[in-house]
C-alpha atoms as a PDB file:
ATOM      1  CA  MET A   1     135.347 106.912 163.446  1.00  0.00           C
ATOM      2  CA  ASN A   2     138.259 108.619 161.712  1.00  0.00           C
ATOM      3  CA  ASP A   3     137.020 107.095 158.433  1.00  0.00           C
ATOM      4  CA  LEU A   4     133.837 109.196 158.734  1.00  0.00           C
ATOM      5  CA  ILE A   5     135.911 112.383 158.537  1.00  0.00           C
ATOM      6  CA  LYS A   6     138.603 112.003 155.904  1.00  0.00           C
ATOM      7  CA  CYS A   7     141.598 114.263 156.312  1.00  0.00           C
ATOM      8  CA  ASN A   8     144.056 115.031 153.527  1.00  0.00           C
ATOM      9  CA  GLN A   9     147.039 117.366 153.839  1.00  0.00           C
ATOM     10  CA  SER A  10     148.648 118.486 150.604  1.00  0.00           C
ATOM     11  CA  GLY A  11     151.168 121.246 150.842  1.00  0.00           C
ATOM     12  CA  GLY A  12     149.523 124.068 152.751  1.00  0.00           C
ATOM     13  CA  LEU A  13     145.992 122.802 152.071  1.00  0.00           C
ATOM     14  CA  LEU A  14     143.979 120.684 154.513  1.00  0.00           C
ATOM     15  CA  THR A  15     140.898 119.018 153.008  1.00  0.00           C
ATOM     16  CA  LEU A  16     138.259 117.671 155.394  1.00  0.00           C
ATOM     17  CA  THR A  17     135.630 115.394 153.866  1.00  0.00           C
ATOM     18  CA  ILE A  18     132.520 114.229 155.697  1.00  0.00           C
ATOM     19  CA  ASN A  19     132.356 110.597 154.622  1.00  0.00           C
ATOM     20  CA  ARG A  20     129.128 108.944 155.711  1.00  0.00           C
ATOM     21  CA  PRO A  21     127.196 108.615 152.454  1.00  0.00           C
ATOM     22  CA  ASP A  22     124.885 105.856 153.734  1.00  0.00           C
ATOM     23  CA  LYS A  23     123.505 108.359 156.274  1.00  0.00           C
ATOM     24  CA  LEU A  24     123.610 111.381 153.939  1.00  0.00           C
ATOM     25  CA  ASN A  25     126.653 112.579 155.882  1.00  0.00           C
ATOM     26  CA  ALA A  26     124.611 113.047 159.066  1.00  0.00           C
ATOM     27  CA  LEU A  27     126.864 114.307 161.864  1.00  0.00           C
ATOM     28  CA  SER A  28     127.223 112.446 165.166  1.00  0.00           C
ATOM     29  CA  ASN A  29     128.866 113.671 168.359  1.00  0.00           C
ATOM     30  CA  SER A  30     132.045 111.779 167.578  1.00  0.00           C
ATOM     31  CA  MET A  31     132.169 113.361 164.108  1.00  0.00           C
ATOM     32  CA  TYR A  32     131.755 116.832 165.615  1.00  0.00           C
ATOM     33  CA  THR A  33     134.606 116.038 167.997  1.00  0.00           C
ATOM     34  CA  ARG A  34     136.813 114.863 165.163  1.00  0.00           C
ATOM     35  CA  LEU A  35     136.114 117.950 163.051  1.00  0.00           C
ATOM     36  CA  ALA A  36     136.722 120.262 165.999  1.00  0.00           C
ATOM     37  CA  ASP A  37     139.996 118.542 166.886  1.00  0.00           C
ATOM     38  CA  LEU A  38     141.227 118.766 163.294  1.00  0.00           C
ATOM     39  CA  LEU A  39     140.343 122.461 163.020  1.00  0.00           C
ATOM     40  CA  PHE A  40     141.939 123.341 166.353  1.00  0.00           C
ATOM     41  CA  ALA A  41     145.076 121.476 165.230  1.00  0.00           C
ATOM     42  CA  ALA A  42     145.029 123.197 161.830  1.00  0.00           C
ATOM     43  CA  ALA A  43     144.837 126.585 163.524  1.00  0.00           C
ATOM     44  CA  GLU A  44     148.128 125.841 165.296  1.00  0.00           C
ATOM     45  CA  ASP A  45     149.844 124.084 162.387  1.00  0.00           C
ATOM     46  CA  PRO A  46     152.386 126.350 160.634  1.00  0.00           C
ATOM     47  CA  GLU A  47     152.204 124.078 157.577  1.00  0.00           C
ATOM     48  CA  THR A  48     148.475 124.678 157.045  1.00  0.00           C
ATOM     49  CA  THR A  49     147.421 127.837 155.225  1.00  0.00           C
ATOM     50  CA  ALA A  50     143.916 127.063 153.912  1.00  0.00           C
ATOM     51  CA  ILE A  51     141.172 124.506 154.528  1.00  0.00           C
ATOM     52  CA  ILE A  52     138.473 122.965 152.352  1.00  0.00           C
ATOM     53  CA  ILE A  53     135.454 121.325 153.974  1.00  0.00           C
ATOM     54  CA  THR A  54     133.167 119.174 151.857  1.00  0.00           C
ATOM     55  CA  GLY A  55     130.943 116.131 151.911  1.00  0.00           C
ATOM     56  CA  GLY A  56     132.044 114.857 148.527  1.00  0.00           C
ATOM     57  CA  GLU A  57     130.257 115.063 145.196  1.00  0.00           C
ATOM     58  CA  GLN A  58     126.740 114.012 146.282  1.00  0.00           C
ATOM     59  CA  CYS A  59     125.821 115.492 149.676  1.00  0.00           C
ATOM     60  CA  PHE A  60     127.354 118.068 152.010  1.00  0.00           C
ATOM     61  CA  THR A  61     125.492 117.031 155.175  1.00  0.00           C
ATOM     62  CA  SER A  62     121.907 116.292 156.173  1.00  0.00           C
ATOM     63  CA  GLY A  63     122.625 117.843 159.577  1.00  0.00           C
ATOM     64  CA  ASN A  64     122.531 116.115 162.924  1.00  0.00           C
ATOM     65  CA  ASP A  65     122.300 112.349 163.214  1.00  0.00           C
ATOM     66  CA  LEU A  66     118.877 112.295 164.884  1.00  0.00           C
ATOM     67  CA  GLN A  67     119.357 108.960 166.642  1.00  0.00           C
ATOM     68  CA  ASP A  68     122.658 110.069 168.131  1.00  0.00           C
ATOM     69  CA  PHE A  69     121.243 113.516 168.862  1.00  0.00           C
ATOM     70  CA  LEU A  70     118.283 112.171 170.854  1.00  0.00           C
ATOM     71  CA  GLN A  71     120.325 109.599 172.756  1.00  0.00           C
ATOM     72  CA  ASP A  72     123.151 111.979 173.664  1.00  0.00           C
ATOM     73  CA  PRO A  73     122.001 115.580 173.195  1.00  0.00           C
ATOM     74  CA  PRO A  74     124.227 118.565 173.948  1.00  0.00           C
ATOM     75  CA  THR A  75     123.835 119.551 177.601  1.00  0.00           C
ATOM     76  CA  HIS A  76     126.532 122.197 178.086  1.00  0.00           C
ATOM     77  CA  LEU A  77     128.601 124.688 176.109  1.00  0.00           C
ATOM     78  CA  ASN A  78     131.531 122.271 175.808  1.00  0.00           C
ATOM     79  CA  SER A  79     129.411 119.642 174.034  1.00  0.00           C
ATOM     80  CA  PRO A  80     130.932 118.411 170.745  1.00  0.00           C
ATOM     81  CA  VAL A  81     128.756 120.489 168.408  1.00  0.00           C
ATOM     82  CA  PHE A  82     129.559 123.683 170.308  1.00  0.00           C
ATOM     83  CA  ARG A  83     133.281 122.852 170.322  1.00  0.00           C
ATOM     84  CA  LEU A  84     133.100 122.681 166.528  1.00  0.00           C
ATOM     85  CA  MET A  85     131.452 126.099 166.429  1.00  0.00           C
ATOM     86  CA  ASP A  86     134.204 127.491 168.650  1.00  0.00           C
ATOM     87  CA  ALA A  87     136.895 126.001 166.404  1.00  0.00           C
ATOM     88  CA  VAL A  88     135.327 127.529 163.286  1.00  0.00           C
ATOM     89  CA  ILE A  89     134.685 131.055 164.546  1.00  0.00           C
ATOM     90  CA  HIS A  90     138.227 131.377 165.933  1.00  0.00           C
ATOM     91  CA  LEU A  91     139.928 129.896 162.863  1.00  0.00           C
ATOM     92  CA  ASP A  92     142.280 132.489 161.380  1.00  0.00           C
ATOM     93  CA  LYS A  93     142.932 130.594 158.148  1.00  0.00           C
ATOM     94  CA  PRO A  94     140.754 130.763 155.028  1.00  0.00           C
ATOM     95  CA  LEU A  95     137.952 128.203 155.060  1.00  0.00           C
ATOM     96  CA  ILE A  96     136.408 127.097 151.747  1.00  0.00           C
ATOM     97  CA  ALA A  97     133.186 125.082 151.574  1.00  0.00           C
ATOM     98  CA  ALA A  98     132.403 122.866 148.593  1.00  0.00           C
ATOM     99  CA  VAL A  99     128.684 122.171 148.931  1.00  0.00           C
ATOM    100  CA  CYS A 100     127.220 119.459 146.729  1.00  0.00           C
ATOM    101  CA  GLY A 101     123.589 118.482 147.283  1.00  0.00           C
ATOM    102  CA  ALA A 102     121.920 118.841 150.672  1.00  0.00           C
ATOM    103  CA  ALA A 103     123.229 121.184 153.368  1.00  0.00           C
ATOM    104  CA  ILE A 104     120.672 121.019 156.170  1.00  0.00           C
ATOM    105  CA  GLY A 105     120.720 122.733 159.577  1.00  0.00           C
ATOM    106  CA  ILE A 106     124.315 123.186 160.646  1.00  0.00           C
ATOM    107  CA  GLY A 107     125.231 122.313 157.071  1.00  0.00           C
ATOM    108  CA  THR A 108     123.895 125.758 156.140  1.00  0.00           C
ATOM    109  CA  THR A 109     124.805 127.750 159.258  1.00  0.00           C
ATOM    110  CA  LEU A 110     128.419 126.592 158.902  1.00  0.00           C
ATOM    111  CA  LEU A 111     128.547 128.341 155.530  1.00  0.00           C
ATOM    112  CA  LEU A 112     128.030 131.718 157.200  1.00  0.00           C
ATOM    113  CA  HIS A 113     131.545 131.358 158.633  1.00  0.00           C
ATOM    114  CA  CYS A 114     133.300 130.225 155.459  1.00  0.00           C
ATOM    115  CA  ASP A 115     135.354 132.650 153.395  1.00  0.00           C
ATOM    116  CA  GLN A 116     134.331 131.123 150.081  1.00  0.00           C
ATOM    117  CA  VAL A 117     131.271 128.933 149.432  1.00  0.00           C
ATOM    118  CA  LEU A 118     130.949 126.980 146.190  1.00  0.00           C
ATOM    119  CA  VAL A 119     127.692 125.123 145.539  1.00  0.00           C
ATOM    120  CA  THR A 120     126.204 122.778 142.979  1.00  0.00           C
ATOM    121  CA  ARG A 121     123.101 123.812 141.084  1.00  0.00           C
ATOM    122  CA  ASN A 122     121.124 121.075 142.884  1.00  0.00           C
ATOM    123  CA  ALA A 123     122.318 122.150 146.346  1.00  0.00           C
ATOM    124  CA  LYS A 124     119.563 122.396 148.963  1.00  0.00           C
ATOM    125  CA  LEU A 125     120.296 124.806 151.812  1.00  0.00           C
ATOM    126  CA  ARG A 126     117.737 124.687 154.617  1.00  0.00           C
ATOM    127  CA  MET A 127     117.559 125.537 158.340  1.00  0.00           C
ATOM    128  CA  PRO A 128     114.414 123.825 159.708  1.00  0.00           C
ATOM    129  CA  PHE A 129     115.039 124.729 163.346  1.00  0.00           C
ATOM    130  CA  VAL A 130     111.552 126.076 164.097  1.00  0.00           C
ATOM    131  CA  ASN A 131     110.010 123.115 162.257  1.00  0.00           C
ATOM    132  CA  LEU A 132     111.775 120.879 164.789  1.00  0.00           C
ATOM    133  CA  GLY A 133     110.806 122.930 167.828  1.00  0.00           C
ATOM    134  CA  LEU A 134     114.341 124.296 168.173  1.00  0.00           C
ATOM    135  CA  CYS A 135     115.996 127.680 167.564  1.00  0.00           C
ATOM    136  CA  PRO A 136     118.761 129.041 165.313  1.00  0.00           C
ATOM    137  CA  GLU A 137     122.366 128.123 166.092  1.00  0.00           C
ATOM    138  CA  PHE A 138     125.951 128.956 165.083  1.00  0.00           C
ATOM    139  CA  GLY A 139     125.239 132.694 165.106  1.00  0.00           C
ATOM    140  CA  ALA A 140     122.589 132.482 162.382  1.00  0.00           C
ATOM    141  CA  SER A 141     120.239 134.845 164.235  1.00  0.00           C
ATOM    142  CA  LEU A 142     122.945 137.537 164.047  1.00  0.00           C
ATOM    143  CA  LEU A 143     124.625 136.851 160.718  1.00  0.00           C
ATOM    144  CA  LEU A 144     121.694 136.012 158.452  1.00  0.00           C
ATOM    145  CA  PRO A 145     119.766 139.293 158.918  1.00  0.00           C
ATOM    146  CA  ARG A 146     122.964 141.262 158.353  1.00  0.00           C
ATOM    147  CA  LEU A 147     123.752 139.327 155.219  1.00  0.00           C
ATOM    148  CA  LEU A 148     120.270 139.010 153.714  1.00  0.00           C
ATOM    149  CA  GLY A 149     118.116 141.624 155.441  1.00  0.00           C
ATOM    150  CA  HIS A 150     115.420 140.831 157.990  1.00  0.00           C
ATOM    151  CA  ALA A 151     112.685 139.665 155.620  1.00  0.00           C
ATOM    152  CA  ARG A 152     114.780 137.093 153.782  1.00  0.00           C
ATOM    153  CA  ALA A 153     116.422 135.864 156.994  1.00  0.00           C
ATOM    154  CA  ALA A 154     112.994 135.481 158.589  1.00  0.00           C
ATOM    155  CA  ARG A 155     111.744 133.491 155.592  1.00  0.00           C
ATOM    156  CA  LEU A 156     114.617 131.034 156.042  1.00  0.00           C
ATOM    157  CA  LEU A 157     114.620 130.850 159.852  1.00  0.00           C
ATOM    158  CA  LEU A 158     110.932 131.231 160.746  1.00  0.00           C
ATOM    159  CA  CYS A 159     109.415 129.281 157.863  1.00  0.00           C
ATOM    160  CA  GLY A 160     112.287 126.878 157.233  1.00  0.00           C
ATOM    161  CA  ASP A 161     112.275 127.648 153.504  1.00  0.00           C
ATOM    162  CA  GLY A 162     115.159 126.313 151.447  1.00  0.00           C
ATOM    163  CA  LEU A 163     117.364 127.620 148.670  1.00  0.00           C
ATOM    164  CA  ASP A 164     118.907 125.819 145.723  1.00  0.00           C
ATOM    165  CA  GLY A 165     122.410 126.603 144.530  1.00  0.00           C
ATOM    166  CA  THR A 166     121.401 129.315 142.085  1.00  0.00           C
ATOM    167  CA  GLN A 167     119.264 131.068 144.718  1.00  0.00           C
ATOM    168  CA  ALA A 168     122.055 130.774 147.303  1.00  0.00           C
ATOM    169  CA  VAL A 169     124.406 132.686 145.003  1.00  0.00           C
ATOM    170  CA  ALA A 170     121.731 135.269 144.140  1.00  0.00           C
ATOM    171  CA  TRP A 171     121.056 135.878 147.850  1.00  0.00           C
ATOM    172  CA  GLY A 172     124.751 136.098 148.741  1.00  0.00           C
ATOM    173  CA  LEU A 173     125.058 132.854 150.738  1.00  0.00           C
ATOM    174  CA  ALA A 174     127.456 131.394 148.169  1.00  0.00           C
ATOM    175  CA  ASN A 175     130.020 132.745 145.715  1.00  0.00           C
ATOM    176  CA  GLU A 176     129.658 130.488 142.697  1.00  0.00           C
ATOM    177  CA  VAL A 177     127.298 127.807 141.409  1.00  0.00           C
ATOM    178  CA  LEU A 178     128.608 124.787 139.491  1.00  0.00           C
ATOM    179  CA  ASP A 179     126.748 122.214 137.436  1.00  0.00           C
ATOM    180  CA  ASP A 180     127.776 119.116 139.396  1.00  0.00           C
ATOM    181  CA  GLY A 181     129.830 117.795 142.283  1.00  0.00           C
ATOM    182  CA  GLU A 182     132.968 117.135 140.277  1.00  0.00           C
ATOM    183  CA  GLN A 183     133.041 120.723 139.037  1.00  0.00           C
ATOM    184  CA  CYS A 184     132.317 122.054 142.531  1.00  0.00           C
ATOM    185  CA  LEU A 185     135.234 120.195 144.113  1.00  0.00           C
ATOM    186  CA  ALA A 186     137.517 121.282 141.276  1.00  0.00           C
ATOM    187  CA  ALA A 187     136.469 124.910 141.771  1.00  0.00           C
ATOM    188  CA  ALA A 188     137.215 124.651 145.490  1.00  0.00           C
ATOM    189  CA  GLN A 189     140.670 123.317 144.678  1.00  0.00           C
ATOM    190  CA  ARG A 190     141.295 126.187 142.255  1.00  0.00           C
ATOM    191  CA  MET A 191     140.265 128.707 144.899  1.00  0.00           C
ATOM    192  CA  ALA A 192     142.568 127.057 147.436  1.00  0.00           C
ATOM    193  CA  ASP A 193     145.438 127.169 144.923  1.00  0.00           C
ATOM    194  CA  ARG A 194     144.845 130.913 144.455  1.00  0.00           C
ATOM    195  CA  LEU A 195     145.014 131.494 148.197  1.00  0.00           C
ATOM    196  CA  LEU A 196     148.102 129.321 148.650  1.00  0.00           C
ATOM    197  CA  ALA A 197     149.928 131.372 146.023  1.00  0.00           C
ATOM    198  CA  LEU A 198     149.450 134.586 148.019  1.00  0.00           C
ATOM    199  CA  PRO A 199     151.809 135.939 150.729  1.00  0.00           C
ATOM    200  CA  ARG A 200     150.887 133.765 153.713  1.00  0.00           C
ATOM    201  CA  GLU A 201     151.191 136.181 156.626  1.00  0.00           C
ATOM    202  CA  SER A 202     149.299 138.882 154.769  1.00  0.00           C
ATOM    203  CA  LEU A 203     146.546 136.369 154.009  1.00  0.00           C
ATOM    204  CA  LEU A 204     146.184 135.330 157.657  1.00  0.00           C
ATOM    205  CA  HIS A 205     146.281 138.892 158.974  1.00  0.00           C
ATOM    206  CA  THR A 206     143.562 139.865 156.522  1.00  0.00           C
ATOM    207  CA  LYS A 207     141.375 136.934 157.590  1.00  0.00           C
ATOM    208  CA  ARG A 208     141.732 138.043 161.227  1.00  0.00           C
ATOM    209  CA  LEU A 209     140.844 141.620 160.339  1.00  0.00           C
ATOM    210  CA  LEU A 210     137.736 140.507 158.465  1.00  0.00           C
ATOM    211  CA  LYS A 211     136.471 138.615 161.512  1.00  0.00           C
ATOM    212  CA  GLN A 212     137.528 140.929 164.309  1.00  0.00           C
ATOM    213  CA  PRO A 213     134.730 143.563 164.184  1.00  0.00           C
ATOM    214  CA  VAL A 214     131.978 141.012 164.812  1.00  0.00           C
ATOM    215  CA  LEU A 215     133.804 138.339 166.831  1.00  0.00           C
ATOM    216  CA  LYS A 216     132.788 139.367 170.365  1.00  0.00           C
ATOM    217  CA  GLU A 217     129.184 139.897 169.343  1.00  0.00           C
ATOM    218  CA  LEU A 218     129.217 136.568 167.518  1.00  0.00           C
ATOM    219  CA  GLU A 219     130.609 134.732 170.557  1.00  0.00           C
ATOM    220  CA  GLU A 220     127.852 136.162 172.742  1.00  0.00           C
ATOM    221  CA  THR A 221     125.144 135.378 170.187  1.00  0.00           C
ATOM    222  CA  ILE A 222     126.303 131.767 169.845  1.00  0.00           C
ATOM    223  CA  ARG A 223     126.390 131.437 173.633  1.00  0.00           C
ATOM    224  CA  ARG A 224     122.779 132.664 173.929  1.00  0.00           C
ATOM    225  CA  GLU A 225     121.589 130.543 171.005  1.00  0.00           C
ATOM    226  CA  SER A 226     123.338 127.450 172.373  1.00  0.00           C
ATOM    227  CA  LEU A 227     121.842 127.771 175.864  1.00  0.00           C
ATOM    228  CA  LEU A 228     118.373 128.213 174.380  1.00  0.00           C
ATOM    229  CA  PHE A 229     118.988 125.318 171.971  1.00  0.00           C
ATOM    230  CA  ILE A 230     119.791 123.047 174.936  1.00  0.00           C
ATOM    231  CA  GLU A 231     116.627 124.237 176.664  1.00  0.00           C
ATOM    232  CA  ARG A 232     114.501 123.742 173.563  1.00  0.00           C
ATOM    233  CA  LEU A 233     115.750 120.186 173.113  1.00  0.00           C
ATOM    234  CA  ASN A 234     113.981 119.293 176.351  1.00  0.00           C
ATOM    235  CA  SER A 235     110.723 120.923 175.311  1.00  0.00           C
ATOM    236  CA  PRO A 236     107.651 118.834 174.404  1.00  0.00           C
ATOM    237  CA  GLU A 237     107.559 120.541 170.983  1.00  0.00           C
ATOM    238  CA  ALA A 238     111.071 119.491 170.076  1.00  0.00           C
ATOM    239  CA  LYS A 239     110.755 115.959 171.435  1.00  0.00           C
ATOM    240  CA  THR A 240     107.562 115.409 169.454  1.00  0.00           C
ATOM    241  CA  ALA A 241     108.977 116.869 166.233  1.00  0.00           C
ATOM    242  CA  LEU A 242     112.345 115.090 166.445  1.00  0.00           C
ATOM    243  CA  ASN A 243     110.805 111.708 167.250  1.00  0.00           C
ATOM    244  CA  ALA A 244     108.316 112.103 164.407  1.00  0.00           C
ATOM    245  CA  MET A 245     111.147 112.851 161.991  1.00  0.00           C
ATOM    246  CA  LEU A 246     113.122 109.883 163.282  1.00  0.00           C
ATOM    247  CA  GLN A 247     110.132 107.607 162.748  1.00  0.00           C
ATOM    248  CA  ARG A 248     109.682 108.887 159.204  1.00  0.00           C
ATOM    249  CA  SER A 249     113.358 108.305 158.494  1.00  0.00           C
ATOM    250  CA  SER A 250     113.161 104.776 159.890  1.00  0.00           C
ATOM    251  CA  ALA A 251     110.108 104.017 157.767  1.00  0.00           C
ATOM    252  CA  LYS A 252     111.926 105.169 154.633  1.00  0.00           C
ATOM    253  CA  GLY A 253     115.026 103.165 155.537  1.00  0.00           C
END
C-alpha cells in the first residue's frame, strides 16, 4: 500500500504523491491512514520544513474509493479519513498543493487548508456531497462561505457545481493556474524552494498564527460535519446515490 502514496524527502521538503492512476487516484481507507501517518510524522520531524501534496501530472484525486467506502465506511471520529483531517488542520508547516486534473470531494476540501494551491488550466474542482446524499466535510461549511461569500459557496455545495483551474484562481480557491501538469509541479517546487530559503522558525510561527484564530471553530465544525456525514452514509438517499454511482463506474470500467 505504501506504493499508492509515494513519499520523497529532499532537504527540508517532503513531497507526498497519490499514486493510483488506474483508479484516478481514488482514496481508500489504507491510503488515508498512510497520508495521516506521514503528516503526523512530518509535523514532528525537525528536518521537514514544507510539504507538497500532489497526484502527479494527470489527476489530483477523484475522491473516495466508492467500493472501499461502501464496504468499510467511517463509523467514528477516529476513522482514517477523519484522522487525515486532524493531521492537516493541526499541521504547523506550510502545505502546498499541486492540483492537476480532477480534484473531487475531499480533493477540493483539502485545498481549503493548504497555504498555496497551484492548479492546471484543465483542473476540475467539485464537491458533489448533496448529489450523493451526503453533507460537506473537512470544514467546508465554515471555510467556503468565508472565502467565497454565501452565494458562491452555496452554488458549489448545494448544487455541486464545479470550477476549472482559471475559475478556481478567479474565485480565490487557488493561487496560480498553469498550462499543464509538468508546469504545475515545477511551480510547486519553486514555491517550496522559496519557503525553504526563509528563516525556518519565523516561517513556522507565522503559519501557526495564520491558523490560530479559526482553529477551535474549525475543529468544532469538522466534528459536527463528520458526525452528520456518518449519519448520512446510512441514509436511504446516500445508499441509493452511492450504489448508482458505483454501478455507473463499473459499467464504464
